[in-house]
Amino acid sequence: MSIDPIRLEVLKNRFSSLCEEMGAVLMRTAFSPNIKERRDFSCALFDGNAEMVAQAAHIPVHLGSMPMAVAAALERGDLASGDAVLLNDPYRGGTHLPDMTLVTPVFFGGKKPAFYLANRAHHADVGGMSAGSLPLSTEIFQEGLRIPPVKIVKGGVLDEDLVDLLLANVRTGDERRGDLYAQLAANRVGERRLAEMVAHFGLEETRRYASALLDYGEKMMEGVIASIPDGCYSFQDVLDDDGAGSGPVALRCTVRIAGRRAEVDFSGCDGQVAGCVNAVRAITLSAVSYVFRLLAPEGFPSNAGCMRPITVKTLAGTVVDCVFPAAVAGGNVETSQRIVDILLGALAKAIPAAVPSASCGSMSNLTIGGRDGKGGLFTYYETIAGGAGAGPAGRGASGIQTHMTNTLNTPVEALEHAYPLRVRRYRLREGSGGRGRHRGGEGVEKEIELLTDARITLLSDRRVSRPYGLQGGGAGAVGRNRLLRGEEETELAGKCTFQGRAGDRLCIETPGGGGWGEDLAPEGDV
């Protein structure tokens, strides 16, 4: 039967709306500010073959890697109606341990699921050697509780014993329980909406158009690749260090374009390191998917079909395809950003008028944890915005989450309400964007005061290497971390952990974006 393009567009929008509604439920019912305020979560729909059909406009590093998590859940081979599988193991489709993925099979008769629903949420603590579970680790065992694919719901009944086991290994159990229940609620709503679609369109029609959407995504991506001149384009950049005393860490890629196919080769990257900036292959796939999606026109479908024309080559044991038991806490948040930087740098050689300069290149991760002064524990986690790279169309945005993160900031009011912390300063960091015909976006300056003793961990980059400019544009400013203790000021490394005291002030200045084009005016553009 032929595919009706109007109906295809209708089903595409319905699938996407389903994922968006799942996200709204997760956000509104979660306990932690990290999920309900910062929206550090993602939702997606998969077909019966575990290919992603649709996603909400959530977190790129989550969505591009989620197919491997769904595939890991399927490896159990014993899924039945009413089941749900939980996992966070980076070596089984996860990213880093705080990201917990919930997979629900959806049956409409038959022995096999017709679809799968999945959501991934960043939990503010999953145990490990430091509060917030983003430590400067040297092996995965130090980072928290590692969960292989396990049935947390069996036949519609929640396994309370398993939940109790999980919560016994984290610092903020009540908050984790609330966030986990929010994930369960999101998938239940997704099931109901999918059932309504099947009731309206019929199961076979719904599945047929889901398959057609994958084919449509493939053809659209082939068109995007065909618009890039054939050739071989290479680029390299570095991470400042690995957080364990070694660095810089080099990342290299070569993009080969041949007609309607692309090959992205990361085989020249440095080997995996002792510190926590190693990325599993799922993260590298996420970054590739994201960058090629950037080249596509508005309204382009985001699904598994888009990756069919793209081959990704990595070497096991490298920093972009690490092997167990490498530490990975920072690979998801920092190395993913540098993978995007080198991919865009390579593509800028092919299509210079379409690619922006490097953005801030770091999520500038901050975790703070300790006793809350009320007899309990708290864990605060946030990624701090920076400057976006300028491009041919204009200057870069300032104070924004870029590339592989799509989260929001924690509002000052919410932060101060939930944690024994006070925000002393929060403003744009003027002059941090790179000069050029179009200026790079400005980073931010955020100063937080501790109201109680607490453990602080910073996991940031671009504190030594600068975000590059393109087409004659200048580089963005490096970031800077400082500790203010009374009259004393101490410069902090990009990756560090230490015990803070009540009254300490932590000042984080994030990098600006690179400038684009030669500076044609004495003061640059305004």
Protein backbone atom coordinates (compact mmCIF):
# COMPACT_ATOMS: atom_id res chain seq x y z
CA MET A 1 0.00 0.00 0.00
CA SER A 2 1.16 3.52 -0.76
CA ILE A 3 2.05 6.01 1.95
CA ASP A 4 -0.13 9.11 2.15
CA PRO A 5 2.22 12.07 2.83
CA ILE A 6 -0.44 13.97 4.74
CA ARG A 7 -1.14 11.03 7.01
CA LEU A 8 2.59 10.51 7.42
CA GLU A 9 2.91 14.08 8.70
CA VAL A 10 -0.07 13.56 11.02
CA LEU A 11 1.41 10.39 12.50
CA LYS A 12 4.83 12.03 12.82
CA ASN A 13 3.32 14.83 14.86
CA ARG A 14 1.23 12.44 16.96
CA PHE A 15 4.27 10.31 17.79
CA SER A 16 6.27 13.40 18.75
CA SER A 17 3.41 14.80 20.84
CA LEU A 18 3.22 11.50 22.71
CA CYS A 19 6.89 11.84 23.66
CA GLU A 20 6.43 15.48 24.65
CA GLU A 21 3.53 14.56 26.93
CA MET A 22 5.61 11.86 28.56
CA GLY A 23 8.21 14.52 29.26
CA ALA A 24 5.64 16.89 30.71
CA VAL A 25 4.46 14.20 33.13
CA LEU A 26 8.03 13.38 34.15
CA MET A 27 8.87 17.04 34.72
CA ARG A 28 5.73 17.88 36.72
CA THR A 29 5.77 14.84 38.97
CA ALA A 30 9.51 14.62 39.72
CA PHE A 31 10.83 15.57 43.15
CA SER A 32 14.29 16.90 42.34
CA PRO A 33 15.02 20.39 40.98
CA ASN A 34 17.40 18.71 38.53
CA ILE A 35 14.45 17.14 36.73
CA LYS A 36 11.50 19.41 37.45
CA GLU A 37 13.40 22.69 37.01
CA ARG A 38 16.41 21.91 34.82
CA ARG A 39 14.52 19.30 32.75
CA ASP A 40 17.44 16.89 32.65
CA PHE A 41 15.49 14.05 31.05
CA SER A 42 14.45 12.65 27.67
CA CYS A 43 11.60 10.55 26.25
CA ALA A 44 11.32 8.50 23.06
CA LEU A 45 9.20 5.94 21.22
CA PHE A 46 10.64 2.81 19.57
CA ASP A 47 9.09 0.31 17.18
CA GLY A 48 8.96 -3.44 17.69
CA ASN A 49 12.49 -3.78 16.28
CA ALA A 50 13.82 -1.30 18.88
CA GLU A 51 14.39 1.43 16.28
CA MET A 52 13.63 4.93 17.51
CA VAL A 53 10.54 6.28 15.75
CA ALA A 54 10.16 9.62 17.51
CA GLN A 55 11.58 11.69 20.33
CA ALA A 56 10.75 14.81 22.24
CA ALA A 57 12.99 17.87 21.95
CA HIS A 58 14.97 16.91 25.01
CA ILE A 59 18.68 16.07 25.62
CA PRO A 60 20.79 15.11 22.56
CA VAL A 61 23.30 13.02 24.53
CA HIS A 62 20.41 11.01 26.00
CA LEU A 63 18.44 10.45 22.83
CA GLY A 64 21.24 9.42 20.52
CA SER A 65 22.42 6.76 22.96
CA MET A 66 19.03 5.50 24.12
CA PRO A 67 18.63 2.93 21.30
CA MET A 68 21.50 0.91 22.77
CA ALA A 69 19.76 0.93 26.15
CA VAL A 70 16.52 -0.34 24.63
CA ALA A 71 18.48 -3.05 22.80
CA ALA A 72 20.07 -4.05 26.13
CA ALA A 73 16.63 -4.31 27.74
CA LEU A 74 15.49 -6.57 24.90
CA GLU A 75 18.41 -8.91 25.50
CA ARG A 76 16.56 -10.17 28.56
CA GLY A 77 14.20 -11.94 26.17
CA ASP A 78 11.45 -12.41 28.76
CA LEU A 79 9.47 -9.18 28.55
CA ALA A 80 5.73 -9.46 29.05
CA SER A 81 2.81 -7.06 29.19
CA GLY A 82 2.98 -4.87 32.28
CA ASP A 83 6.78 -5.17 32.65
CA ALA A 84 9.27 -2.32 32.85
CA VAL A 85 13.07 -2.55 32.76
CA LEU A 86 15.45 -0.19 34.55
CA LEU A 87 19.15 0.24 33.75
CA ASN A 88 22.00 2.72 33.96
CA ASP A 89 25.05 0.59 33.08
CA PRO A 90 27.19 2.58 30.60
CA TYR A 91 28.47 -0.71 29.20
CA ARG A 92 24.92 -1.89 28.50
CA GLY A 93 23.52 1.12 26.65
CA GLY A 94 23.78 3.77 29.36
CA THR A 95 25.87 6.93 29.39
CA HIS A 96 26.97 7.61 32.96
CA LEU A 97 25.49 6.23 36.16
CA PRO A 98 23.22 9.14 37.18
CA ASP A 99 21.25 8.66 33.93
CA MET A 100 18.65 6.00 34.68
CA THR A 101 16.69 4.61 31.72
CA LEU A 102 13.24 3.04 32.02
CA VAL A 103 12.03 0.85 29.14
CA THR A 104 8.41 -0.34 28.84
CA PRO A 105 7.26 -2.84 26.21
CA VAL A 106 3.81 -2.15 24.77
CA PHE A 107 1.74 -5.10 23.57
CA PHE A 108 -1.38 -5.08 21.40
CA GLY A 109 -1.95 -8.80 21.38
CA GLY A 110 0.64 -11.20 20.02
CA LYS A 111 3.76 -12.55 21.68
CA LYS A 112 6.08 -9.68 20.84
CA PRO A 113 5.83 -6.01 21.82
CA ALA A 114 4.55 -3.76 19.05
CA PHE A 115 6.39 -0.75 20.48
CA TYR A 116 8.67 0.29 23.33
CA LEU A 117 8.54 3.46 25.39
CA ALA A 118 11.69 4.77 27.05
CA ASN A 119 12.67 7.68 29.20
CA ARG A 120 16.01 8.64 30.71
CA ALA A 121 16.40 10.95 33.69
CA HIS A 122 19.50 12.27 35.41
CA HIS A 123 19.23 11.46 39.13
CA ALA A 124 21.08 13.90 41.37
CA ASP A 125 22.78 11.05 43.25
CA VAL A 126 23.25 7.33 42.70
CA GLY A 127 25.90 6.75 45.36
CA GLY A 128 29.61 6.53 44.73
CA MET A 129 32.59 8.28 46.23
CA SER A 130 31.22 11.83 46.13
CA ALA A 131 27.82 13.48 46.43
CA GLY A 132 26.18 13.91 43.05
CA SER A 133 27.85 10.82 41.59
CA LEU A 134 30.14 12.72 39.20
CA PRO A 135 33.42 12.08 41.01
CA LEU A 136 37.00 12.38 39.79
CA SER A 137 37.03 8.61 39.55
CA THR A 138 39.53 6.19 38.07
CA GLU A 139 37.19 3.20 37.67
CA ILE A 140 33.45 2.73 37.22
CA PHE A 141 33.03 1.20 40.69
CA GLN A 142 33.76 4.55 42.32
CA GLU A 143 30.95 6.33 40.48
CA GLY A 144 27.90 4.80 42.13
CA LEU A 145 25.39 1.99 41.83
CA ARG A 146 25.62 0.26 38.43
CA ILE A 147 22.33 -1.30 37.35
CA PRO A 148 22.17 -3.88 34.53
CA PRO A 149 18.80 -4.31 32.79
CA VAL A 150 16.49 -5.45 35.62
CA LYS A 151 12.71 -5.79 35.78
CA ILE A 152 11.56 -3.15 38.20
CA VAL A 153 7.92 -3.81 37.28
CA LYS A 154 6.64 -7.34 36.62
CA GLY A 155 3.15 -7.82 35.26
CA GLY A 156 2.16 -4.36 36.44
CA VAL A 157 3.50 -4.85 39.99
CA LEU A 158 6.40 -2.74 41.21
CA ASP A 159 9.23 -4.75 42.76
CA GLU A 160 9.44 -2.90 46.10
CA ASP A 161 12.35 -5.04 47.28
CA LEU A 162 14.40 -3.96 44.27
CA VAL A 163 13.46 -0.32 44.86
CA ASP A 164 14.54 -0.62 48.50
CA LEU A 165 17.86 -2.11 47.39
CA LEU A 166 18.47 0.76 44.98
CA LEU A 167 17.55 3.46 47.49
CA ALA A 168 19.76 1.94 50.19
CA ASN A 169 22.78 2.80 48.03
CA VAL A 170 22.08 6.49 47.39
CA ARG A 171 22.35 9.58 49.55
CA THR A 172 18.91 11.10 49.00
CA GLY A 173 16.53 8.14 48.94
CA ASP A 174 13.20 9.96 49.19
CA GLU A 175 14.08 12.23 46.28
CA ARG A 176 15.28 9.28 44.21
CA ARG A 177 12.05 7.40 44.91
CA GLY A 178 10.01 10.37 43.76
CA ASP A 179 12.00 10.77 40.56
CA LEU A 180 11.81 7.06 39.83
CA TYR A 181 8.04 7.05 40.31
CA ALA A 182 7.84 10.04 37.95
CA GLN A 183 9.63 7.98 35.29
CA LEU A 184 7.14 5.15 35.78
CA ALA A 185 4.23 7.60 35.49
CA ALA A 186 5.63 9.06 32.26
CA ASN A 187 5.74 5.67 30.55
CA ARG A 188 2.22 4.82 31.75
CA VAL A 189 0.89 7.98 30.14
CA GLY A 190 2.79 7.09 26.97
CA GLU A 191 1.12 3.67 26.95
CA ARG A 192 -2.33 5.25 27.19
CA ARG A 193 -1.67 7.71 24.39
CA LEU A 194 -0.24 4.99 22.17
CA ALA A 195 -3.33 2.84 22.82
CA GLU A 196 -5.51 5.78 21.75
CA MET A 197 -3.54 6.10 18.51
CA VAL A 198 -3.86 2.40 17.77
CA ALA A 199 -7.58 2.53 18.50
CA HIS A 200 -7.97 5.40 16.06
CA PHE A 201 -5.64 4.36 13.22
CA GLY A 202 -5.46 0.60 13.76
CA LEU A 203 -2.37 -1.36 14.78
CA GLU A 204 -1.14 -2.26 11.30
CA GLU A 205 -1.59 1.30 10.04
CA THR A 206 0.25 2.72 13.03
CA ARG A 207 3.14 0.30 12.60
CA ARG A 208 3.26 0.83 8.83
CA TYR A 209 3.57 4.58 9.20
CA ALA A 210 6.14 4.21 11.96
CA SER A 211 8.24 2.18 9.51
CA ALA A 212 7.61 4.75 6.77
CA LEU A 213 8.88 7.49 9.08
CA LEU A 214 12.18 5.65 9.46
CA ASP A 215 12.50 5.38 5.68
CA TYR A 216 11.62 9.06 5.36
CA GLY A 217 14.32 10.00 7.89
CA GLU A 218 16.84 7.94 5.94
CA LYS A 219 16.03 9.60 2.61
CA MET A 220 16.08 13.07 4.15
CA MET A 221 19.49 12.45 5.70
CA GLU A 222 20.79 11.12 2.39
CA GLY A 223 19.77 14.45 0.89
CA VAL A 224 21.62 16.35 3.61
CA ILE A 225 24.78 14.34 3.03
CA ALA A 226 24.49 14.74 -0.75
CA SER A 227 24.59 18.54 -0.27
CA ILE A 228 28.09 18.25 1.23
CA PRO A 229 30.92 18.14 -1.34
CA ASP A 230 32.53 14.74 -1.67
CA GLY A 231 35.86 14.55 0.07
CA CYS A 232 37.81 13.76 3.21
CA TYR A 233 37.80 16.32 6.02
CA SER A 234 39.77 16.05 9.28
CA PHE A 235 39.98 18.02 12.51
CA GLN A 236 41.37 17.60 16.00
CA ASP A 237 41.02 19.25 19.39
CA VAL A 238 41.78 18.40 23.00
CA LEU A 239 40.30 17.98 26.42
CA ASP A 240 42.35 19.93 28.97
CA ASP A 241 43.06 16.86 31.12
CA ASP A 242 41.51 13.66 32.41
CA GLY A 243 41.01 14.76 36.02
CA ALA A 244 43.61 12.25 37.22
CA GLY A 245 46.79 14.11 36.41
CA SER A 246 47.18 13.44 32.68
CA GLY A 247 46.49 15.60 29.68
CA PRO A 248 45.82 17.09 27.32
CA VAL A 249 43.70 14.33 25.76
CA ALA A 250 43.53 14.48 21.95
CA LEU A 251 40.39 13.75 19.95
CA ARG A 252 40.59 13.39 16.19
CA CYS A 253 38.05 12.65 13.50
CA THR A 254 37.93 12.29 9.74
CA VAL A 255 34.65 12.72 7.87
CA ARG A 256 34.46 11.07 4.47
CA ILE A 257 31.61 12.10 2.17
CA ALA A 258 30.80 9.99 -0.89
CA GLY A 259 27.55 10.80 -2.60
CA ARG A 260 24.70 10.10 -0.21
CA ARG A 261 26.82 8.30 2.38
CA ALA A 262 29.06 9.52 5.17
CA GLU A 263 31.72 7.82 7.22
CA VAL A 264 32.92 9.35 10.49
CA ASP A 265 36.21 7.88 11.67
CA PHE A 266 37.45 8.41 15.24
CA SER A 267 40.21 5.82 15.10
CA GLY A 268 42.87 8.51 15.65
CA CYS A 269 41.63 9.46 19.13
CA ASP A 270 43.83 8.93 22.17
CA GLY A 271 43.47 5.75 24.15
CA GLN A 272 41.20 5.62 27.18
CA VAL A 273 42.63 7.41 30.18
CA ALA A 274 42.89 6.84 33.90
CA GLY A 275 40.48 9.68 34.70
CA CYS A 276 36.73 9.92 34.23
CA VAL A 277 36.48 11.58 30.79
CA ASN A 278 36.19 8.30 28.88
CA ALA A 279 33.09 8.01 26.70
CA VAL A 280 31.34 4.80 25.77
CA ARG A 281 30.52 4.27 22.09
CA ALA A 282 26.85 5.16 22.69
CA ILE A 283 27.89 8.73 23.51
CA THR A 284 29.95 9.03 20.35
CA LEU A 285 26.99 7.83 18.29
CA SER A 286 24.84 10.45 20.02
CA ALA A 287 27.23 13.23 19.06
CA VAL A 288 27.40 12.13 15.42
CA SER A 289 23.61 11.92 15.21
CA TYR A 290 23.28 15.37 16.73
CA VAL A 291 25.79 17.08 14.43
CA PHE A 292 24.32 15.72 11.22
CA ARG A 293 20.86 16.60 12.48
CA LEU A 294 22.09 20.21 12.86
CA LEU A 295 22.63 20.35 9.11
CA ALA A 296 19.06 19.35 8.36
CA PRO A 297 16.19 21.75 7.67
CA GLU A 298 13.51 22.59 10.21
CA GLY A 299 10.81 19.94 10.51
CA PHE A 300 13.29 17.17 9.78
CA PRO A 301 12.23 13.93 11.53
CA SER A 302 14.56 12.76 14.31
CA ASN A 303 14.57 8.97 14.28
CA ALA A 304 16.75 5.92 13.75
CA GLY A 305 16.45 6.20 9.98
CA CYS A 306 18.61 9.31 10.03
CA MET A 307 21.66 7.28 11.03
CA ARG A 308 21.30 4.63 8.32
CA PRO A 309 23.43 6.53 5.74
CA ILE A 310 26.18 7.21 8.32
CA THR A 311 28.92 4.80 9.36
CA VAL A 312 30.75 5.52 12.61
CA LYS A 313 34.17 3.96 13.15
CA THR A 314 35.73 3.82 16.61
CA LEU A 315 38.46 1.72 18.18
CA ALA A 316 37.60 -0.11 21.39
CA GLY A 317 39.83 1.07 24.21
CA THR A 318 39.99 4.71 23.09
CA VAL A 319 38.59 7.74 24.86
CA VAL A 320 35.53 7.72 22.56
CA ASP A 321 34.90 3.96 22.87
CA CYS A 322 36.21 2.92 26.25
CA VAL A 323 36.03 -0.56 27.69
CA PHE A 324 35.11 -1.81 31.16
CA PRO A 325 35.98 -0.85 33.86
CA ALA A 326 37.03 2.61 32.70
CA ALA A 327 35.71 5.62 34.61
CA VAL A 328 33.05 7.40 32.53
CA ALA A 329 31.37 10.06 34.70
CA GLY A 330 32.72 12.92 32.59
CA GLY A 331 32.57 11.26 29.19
CA ASN A 332 28.86 11.92 28.91
CA VAL A 333 29.07 15.58 29.88
CA GLU A 334 32.49 16.78 28.71
CA THR A 335 33.88 14.45 26.06
CA SER A 336 30.57 14.49 24.19
CA GLN A 337 30.99 18.25 23.78
CA ARG A 338 34.48 17.90 22.34
CA ILE A 339 33.31 15.22 19.92
CA VAL A 340 30.81 17.77 18.61
CA ASP A 341 33.59 20.36 18.35
CA ILE A 342 35.81 18.17 16.19
CA LEU A 343 32.93 17.07 13.98
CA LEU A 344 31.86 20.65 13.34
CA GLY A 345 35.49 21.62 12.76
CA ALA A 346 35.83 18.93 10.11
CA LEU A 347 32.56 19.84 8.40
CA ALA A 348 33.51 23.52 8.39
CA LYS A 349 36.20 22.60 5.87
CA ALA A 350 33.54 21.16 3.59
CA ILE A 351 30.72 23.67 4.04
CA PRO A 352 32.28 26.78 5.61
CA ALA A 353 29.21 28.94 5.10
CA ALA A 354 27.01 26.58 7.11
CA VAL A 355 28.98 25.72 10.25
CA PRO A 356 29.34 27.84 13.42
CA SER A 357 32.45 28.27 15.52
CA ALA A 358 32.99 26.25 18.67
CA SER A 359 30.65 26.88 21.56
CA CYS A 360 31.84 26.94 25.17
CA GLY A 361 32.71 23.23 24.97
CA SER A 362 31.97 22.35 28.58
CA MET A 363 28.86 21.69 30.63
CA SER A 364 30.80 23.07 33.63
CA ASN A 365 29.36 20.46 35.96
CA LEU A 366 29.02 21.34 39.63
CA THR A 367 27.96 18.97 42.39
CA ILE A 368 27.65 19.94 46.05
CA GLY A 369 26.53 17.60 48.81
CA GLY A 370 26.47 17.23 52.55
CA ARG A 371 24.17 17.57 55.55
CA ASP A 372 21.34 20.01 55.08
CA GLY A 373 21.20 21.27 58.68
CA LYS A 374 17.82 19.62 59.22
CA GLY A 375 19.06 16.14 60.00
CA GLY A 376 19.15 14.99 56.38
CA LEU A 377 21.40 14.96 53.35
CA PHE A 378 21.31 17.04 50.19
CA THR A 379 22.87 16.69 46.75
CA TYR A 380 22.86 19.57 44.28
CA TYR A 381 23.85 19.14 40.64
CA GLU A 382 23.86 21.62 37.83
CA THR A 383 25.40 22.21 34.45
CA ILE A 384 26.25 25.88 34.00
CA ALA A 385 25.62 27.65 30.71
CA GLY A 386 28.25 29.26 28.53
CA GLY A 387 28.57 31.09 25.23
CA ALA A 388 27.45 29.68 21.90
CA GLY A 389 29.72 29.91 18.88
CA ALA A 390 29.02 32.60 16.33
CA GLY A 391 28.12 31.57 12.80
CA PRO A 392 27.60 32.95 9.32
CA ALA A 393 24.10 34.11 10.26
CA GLY A 394 25.11 36.17 13.29
CA ARG A 395 26.62 36.32 16.74
CA GLY A 396 26.42 33.47 19.23
CA ALA A 397 23.83 33.39 21.98
CA SER A 398 25.03 34.23 25.49
CA GLY A 399 24.47 32.32 28.71
CA ILE A 400 22.94 29.25 27.07
CA GLN A 401 23.26 25.48 27.33
CA THR A 402 24.83 24.30 24.09
CA HIS A 403 25.05 21.19 21.95
CA MET A 404 24.80 17.91 23.85
CA THR A 405 22.95 19.41 26.78
CA ASN A 406 19.55 21.00 26.33
CA THR A 407 18.76 21.67 29.97
CA LEU A 408 17.77 24.86 31.75
CA ASN A 409 19.41 26.57 34.69
CA THR A 410 18.14 26.00 38.20
CA PRO A 411 16.20 29.19 39.05
CA VAL A 412 17.78 31.05 41.94
CA GLU A 413 14.57 30.83 43.95
CA ALA A 414 14.31 27.07 43.47
CA LEU A 415 17.97 26.53 44.27
CA GLU A 416 17.88 28.52 47.49
CA HIS A 417 14.60 26.90 48.53
CA ALA A 418 15.83 23.34 48.03
CA TYR A 419 19.44 23.55 49.22
CA PRO A 420 21.52 25.23 51.97
CA LEU A 421 23.09 27.46 49.32
CA ARG A 422 22.86 31.13 48.39
CA VAL A 423 23.47 32.62 44.95
CA ARG A 424 25.59 35.73 45.42
CA ARG A 425 26.14 36.60 41.78
CA TYR A 426 24.75 35.39 38.47
CA ARG A 427 25.45 37.41 35.34
CA LEU A 428 26.89 37.33 31.85
CA ARG A 429 30.67 37.32 31.63
CA GLU A 430 31.24 40.28 29.34
CA GLY A 431 34.13 40.05 26.91
CA SER A 432 34.37 36.25 27.01
CA GLY A 433 33.00 35.72 23.49
CA GLY A 434 35.53 35.53 20.66
CA ARG A 435 36.02 38.55 18.40
CA GLY A 436 35.02 38.46 14.75
CA ARG A 437 32.63 39.76 12.17
CA HIS A 438 30.13 38.01 14.43
CA ARG A 439 31.04 37.81 18.12
CA GLY A 440 30.88 34.59 20.07
CA GLY A 441 28.31 34.38 22.84
CA GLU A 442 29.28 35.37 26.38
CA GLY A 443 29.75 32.86 29.15
CA VAL A 444 28.30 33.40 32.62
CA GLU A 445 29.67 34.13 36.05
CA LYS A 446 27.95 32.30 38.91
CA GLU A 447 28.92 32.69 42.55
CA ILE A 448 27.39 30.34 45.13
CA GLU A 449 27.84 30.61 48.90
CA LEU A 450 27.75 27.53 51.11
CA LEU A 451 25.46 27.86 54.14
CA THR A 452 26.77 24.60 55.55
CA ASP A 453 29.89 22.47 55.23
CA ALA A 454 29.71 20.42 52.03
CA ARG A 455 31.74 18.41 49.54
CA ILE A 456 32.26 20.15 46.20
CA THR A 457 33.20 18.53 42.90
CA LEU A 458 33.89 20.46 39.71
CA LEU A 459 34.01 18.62 36.41
CA SER A 460 34.69 21.20 33.74
CA ASP A 461 36.85 21.76 30.68
CA ARG A 462 38.01 24.56 28.36
CA ARG A 463 39.89 26.00 31.33
CA VAL A 464 43.13 25.69 29.31
CA SER A 465 42.17 25.15 25.68
CA ARG A 466 40.02 27.85 24.08
CA PRO A 467 36.86 27.35 21.98
CA TYR A 468 38.04 27.90 18.42
CA GLY A 469 36.82 30.57 16.01
CA LEU A 470 36.25 29.97 12.31
CA GLN A 471 36.82 31.88 9.09
CA GLY A 472 39.16 34.33 10.83
CA GLY A 473 37.16 34.68 14.03
CA GLY A 474 38.88 34.74 17.40
CA ALA A 475 38.69 32.04 20.06
CA GLY A 476 36.41 32.34 23.05
CA ALA A 477 37.84 32.96 26.50
CA VAL A 478 38.73 29.99 28.69
CA GLY A 479 36.69 29.33 31.80
CA ARG A 480 37.86 29.92 35.33
CA ASN A 481 37.00 28.41 38.73
CA ARG A 482 37.79 30.14 42.03
CA LEU A 483 37.21 29.58 45.74
CA LEU A 484 36.67 32.65 47.91
CA ARG A 485 37.24 31.92 51.61
CA GLY A 486 37.13 35.08 53.66
CA GLU A 487 39.75 37.41 52.18
CA GLU A 488 41.58 34.53 50.52
CA GLU A 489 41.07 33.65 46.85
CA THR A 490 42.24 30.32 45.43
CA GLU A 491 42.35 29.34 41.77
CA LEU A 492 40.78 25.93 41.23
CA ALA A 493 41.53 23.39 38.53
CA GLY A 494 38.91 22.58 35.93
CA LYS A 495 38.45 19.18 37.56
CA CYS A 496 38.78 19.12 41.33
CA THR A 497 37.08 17.99 44.51
CA PHE A 498 37.43 19.37 48.04
CA GLN A 499 35.65 19.90 51.33
CA GLY A 500 33.98 23.29 51.52
CA ARG A 501 33.13 25.22 54.67
CA ALA A 502 30.06 27.24 55.55
CA GLY A 503 30.68 30.75 54.24
CA ASP A 504 32.85 29.66 51.33
CA ARG A 505 31.95 31.18 47.98
CA LEU A 506 32.51 29.26 44.77
CA CYS A 507 32.83 31.39 41.64
CA ILE A 508 32.53 29.71 38.26
CA GLU A 509 33.19 31.65 35.06
CA THR A 510 32.26 29.65 31.97
CA PRO A 511 33.90 29.91 28.54
CA GLY A 512 32.59 32.09 25.75
CA GLY A 513 31.90 30.94 22.23
CA GLY A 514 34.28 31.37 19.30
CA GLY A 515 33.90 34.29 16.91
CA TRP A 516 33.11 33.84 13.21
CA GLY A 517 34.65 35.76 10.31
CA GLU A 518 37.31 38.44 10.26
CA ASP A 519 36.70 41.40 12.54
CA LEU A 520 35.78 44.20 10.11
CA ALA A 521 35.32 46.94 12.71
CA PRO A 522 37.65 48.15 15.47
CA GLU A 523 35.27 47.01 18.17
CA GLY A 524 33.75 44.07 16.34
CA ASP A 525 30.00 43.85 15.75
CA VAL A 526 27.51 44.82 18.45
